[in-house]
Protein backbone atom coordinates (compact mmCIF):
# COMPACT_ATOMS: atom_id res chain seq x y z
CA UNK A 1 16.26 -23.08 18.21
CA UNK A 2 13.43 -25.02 19.86
CA UNK A 3 11.30 -21.88 19.57
CA UNK A 4 11.96 -21.89 15.82
CA UNK A 5 10.95 -25.52 15.56
CA UNK A 6 7.83 -24.87 17.62
CA UNK A 7 7.02 -21.90 15.40
CA UNK A 8 7.56 -23.93 12.23
CA UNK A 9 5.43 -26.75 13.60
CA UNK A 10 2.67 -24.29 14.56
CA UNK A 11 2.72 -22.77 11.08
CA UNK A 12 2.62 -26.19 9.40
CA UNK A 13 -0.25 -27.32 11.62
CA UNK A 14 -2.16 -24.09 10.92
CA UNK A 15 -1.57 -24.49 7.17
CA UNK A 16 -2.83 -28.08 7.22
CA UNK A 17 -5.94 -26.93 9.10
CA UNK A 18 -6.70 -23.99 6.80
CA UNK A 19 -5.85 -25.27 3.30
CA UNK A 20 -9.44 -26.24 2.62
CA UNK A 21 -10.57 -22.65 3.21
CA UNK A 22 -8.25 -21.60 0.39
CA UNK A 23 -9.61 -24.44 -1.79
CA UNK A 24 -6.17 -26.06 -1.74
CA UNK A 25 -6.14 -29.83 -1.97
CA UNK A 26 -9.62 -30.23 -3.47
CA UNK A 27 -8.27 -32.67 -6.08
CA UNK A 28 -6.14 -34.81 -3.74
CA UNK A 29 -8.36 -37.85 -4.28
CA UNK A 30 -7.76 -37.74 -8.04
CA UNK A 31 -4.33 -36.21 -8.40
CA UNK A 32 -2.52 -36.70 -5.09
CA UNK A 33 -0.81 -33.91 -3.19
CA UNK A 34 -0.31 -30.61 -5.04
CA UNK A 35 2.85 -28.47 -4.85
CA UNK A 36 0.95 -25.69 -3.07
CA UNK A 37 0.24 -27.98 -0.14
CA UNK A 38 3.92 -28.55 0.44
CA UNK A 39 4.75 -24.85 0.38
CA UNK A 40 3.59 -22.79 3.32
CA UNK A 41 2.35 -19.32 2.45
CA UNK A 42 4.47 -16.49 3.82
CA UNK A 43 3.72 -15.64 7.44
CA UNK A 44 3.94 -12.08 8.74
CA UNK A 45 2.86 -9.71 11.46
CA UNK A 46 2.55 -5.95 11.47
CA UNK A 47 3.79 -3.49 14.02
CA UNK A 48 7.00 -2.83 15.87
CA UNK A 49 5.91 -4.53 19.08
CA UNK A 50 3.98 -7.64 20.14
CA UNK A 51 1.21 -5.38 21.45
CA UNK A 52 0.80 -3.62 18.12
CA UNK A 53 0.86 -6.94 16.23
CA UNK A 54 -1.97 -8.17 18.50
CA UNK A 55 -3.94 -4.98 17.80
CA UNK A 56 -3.54 -5.53 14.06
CA UNK A 57 -4.80 -9.12 14.38
CA UNK A 58 -7.85 -7.88 16.27
CA UNK A 59 -8.51 -5.21 13.62
CA UNK A 60 -8.24 -7.83 10.85
CA UNK A 61 -10.47 -10.36 12.62
CA UNK A 62 -13.17 -7.78 13.33
CA UNK A 63 -13.08 -6.54 9.73
CA UNK A 64 -11.85 -3.07 10.65
CA UNK A 65 -8.59 -3.66 8.72
CA UNK A 66 -8.87 -5.15 5.23
CA UNK A 67 -5.76 -3.64 3.63
CA UNK A 68 -2.14 -2.82 4.26
CA UNK A 69 0.51 -0.66 2.61
CA UNK A 70 4.22 -1.04 2.02
CA UNK A 71 6.86 1.02 0.32
CA UNK A 72 7.57 -0.01 -3.26
CA UNK A 73 11.23 0.80 -2.61
CA UNK A 74 11.40 -1.95 0.03
CA UNK A 75 10.26 -4.56 -2.49
CA UNK A 76 12.69 -3.42 -5.17
CA UNK A 77 15.66 -3.14 -2.77
CA UNK A 78 15.00 -6.66 -1.47
CA UNK A 79 14.43 -7.92 -5.03
CA UNK A 80 11.13 -9.29 -3.71
CA UNK A 81 8.03 -9.96 -5.76
CA UNK A 82 5.09 -7.66 -5.26
CA UNK A 83 1.97 -9.24 -3.83
CA UNK A 84 -0.42 -10.58 -6.46
CA UNK A 85 -4.15 -11.14 -6.51
CA UNK A 86 -4.75 -14.66 -5.24
CA UNK A 87 -1.67 -14.82 -3.01
CA UNK A 88 -2.14 -16.49 0.36
CA UNK A 89 -0.47 -15.44 3.60
CA UNK A 90 -0.66 -16.24 7.29
CA UNK A 91 -1.14 -13.41 9.77
CA UNK A 92 0.75 -13.83 13.03
CA UNK A 93 -0.02 -12.32 16.42
CA UNK A 94 2.53 -10.61 18.64
CA UNK A 95 3.86 -13.95 19.91
CA UNK A 96 4.33 -15.41 16.43
CA UNK A 97 1.22 -17.60 16.57
CA UNK A 98 -0.78 -17.99 13.34
CA UNK A 99 -4.19 -16.36 13.66
CA UNK A 100 -5.62 -15.90 10.16
CA UNK A 101 -5.28 -17.15 6.61
CA UNK A 102 -5.53 -14.26 4.15
CA UNK A 103 -5.96 -14.04 0.38
CA UNK A 104 -4.86 -10.94 -1.53
CA UNK A 105 -7.80 -9.61 -3.54
CA UNK A 106 -6.42 -6.32 -4.88
CA UNK A 107 -2.97 -4.76 -5.34
CA UNK A 108 -2.22 -1.23 -6.47
CA UNK A 109 1.11 0.52 -6.92
CA UNK A 110 0.56 4.26 -6.75
CA UNK A 111 2.14 7.48 -5.57
CA UNK A 112 1.69 8.32 -1.89
CA UNK A 113 -0.45 11.35 -2.77
CA UNK A 114 -2.95 9.26 -4.76
CA UNK A 115 -4.12 7.04 -1.89
CA UNK A 116 -7.89 7.53 -1.75
CA UNK A 117 -10.13 7.96 1.26
CA UNK A 118 -11.56 4.49 0.61
CA UNK A 119 -8.09 2.92 0.52
CA UNK A 120 -7.06 4.74 3.70
CA UNK A 121 -10.24 3.67 5.51
CA UNK A 122 -9.64 0.03 4.54
CA UNK A 123 -6.43 0.07 6.58
CA UNK A 124 -8.44 0.65 9.75
CA UNK A 125 -5.93 3.05 11.29
CA UNK A 126 -6.70 6.14 13.35
CA UNK A 127 -9.91 7.91 12.42
CA UNK A 128 -9.94 6.35 8.94
CA UNK A 129 -9.44 9.60 7.05
CA UNK A 130 -6.93 9.94 4.24
CA UNK A 131 -5.27 12.91 5.98
CA UNK A 132 -4.65 10.85 9.12
CA UNK A 133 -3.48 7.91 7.03
CA UNK A 134 -0.96 10.13 5.23
CA UNK A 135 0.30 11.72 8.44
CA UNK A 136 0.69 8.40 10.27
CA UNK A 137 2.29 6.53 7.39
CA UNK A 138 4.69 9.34 6.56
CA UNK A 139 5.76 9.50 10.23
CA UNK A 140 6.15 5.72 10.42
CA UNK A 141 8.34 5.49 7.34
CA UNK A 142 10.35 8.59 8.19
CA UNK A 143 11.05 7.09 11.65
CA UNK A 144 12.60 4.18 9.73
CA UNK A 145 14.83 6.62 7.85
CA UNK A 146 12.83 6.73 4.62
CA UNK A 147 12.07 10.14 3.15
CA UNK A 148 8.47 10.05 1.92
CA UNK A 149 6.92 12.68 -0.33
CA UNK A 150 3.85 12.83 -2.57
CA UNK A 151 5.66 11.00 -5.39
CA UNK A 152 6.90 8.07 -3.27
CA UNK A 153 5.47 4.86 -4.71
CA UNK A 154 3.58 2.63 -2.32
CA UNK A 155 2.10 -0.86 -2.65
CA UNK A 156 -1.48 -0.98 -1.36
CA UNK A 157 -2.85 -4.48 -0.80
CA UNK A 158 -6.42 -5.44 0.07
CA UNK A 159 -7.03 -8.89 1.52
CA UNK A 160 -9.85 -11.17 2.54
CA UNK A 161 -9.85 -13.38 5.63
CA UNK A 162 -10.39 -17.00 4.59
CA UNK A 163 -9.91 -18.42 8.07
CA UNK A 164 -11.18 -18.16 10.72
CA UNK A 165 -14.62 -18.24 9.15
CA UNK A 166 -17.19 -15.82 10.47
CA UNK A 167 -14.92 -12.79 10.68
CA UNK A 168 -16.40 -9.66 9.17
CA UNK A 169 -13.72 -9.32 6.50
CA UNK A 170 -14.06 -13.02 5.67
CA UNK A 171 -17.65 -12.51 4.50
CA UNK A 172 -16.90 -10.01 1.74
């Protein structure tokens, strides 16, 4: 339980530090606190191990990874909203520590077979080719028990790093 409290406190502290990079709270002097300041953005990590989550953070902070993909089916089964342009999120490392504030800049729902070379390269995986992207993602999802074919809808999301400043993907 203490770990949860420490994690929550770390997230809140990170959010308070990074709000200005998202242009949140600019009108505090005139209008007081805004609702968005009270609500932490969702926090997430990628990978099935702490080591992989740390690798993803490194890829994001160096600008090698500027996008991610999920299965549309997972959103609909969970009755979750799809990401939207302008959404904020906090990227966590393998130990659950906040490392980056991200803003969604593009979202596409498309069939698995229609992912382009540019979209695949933005994910920063493997050799960056669309063939490798398809092979790796199909294997990943099938290992989770999901049958993926060319018609399977995916949600492709491109993001920009707002904090820390100076990262390659934060300059775009």
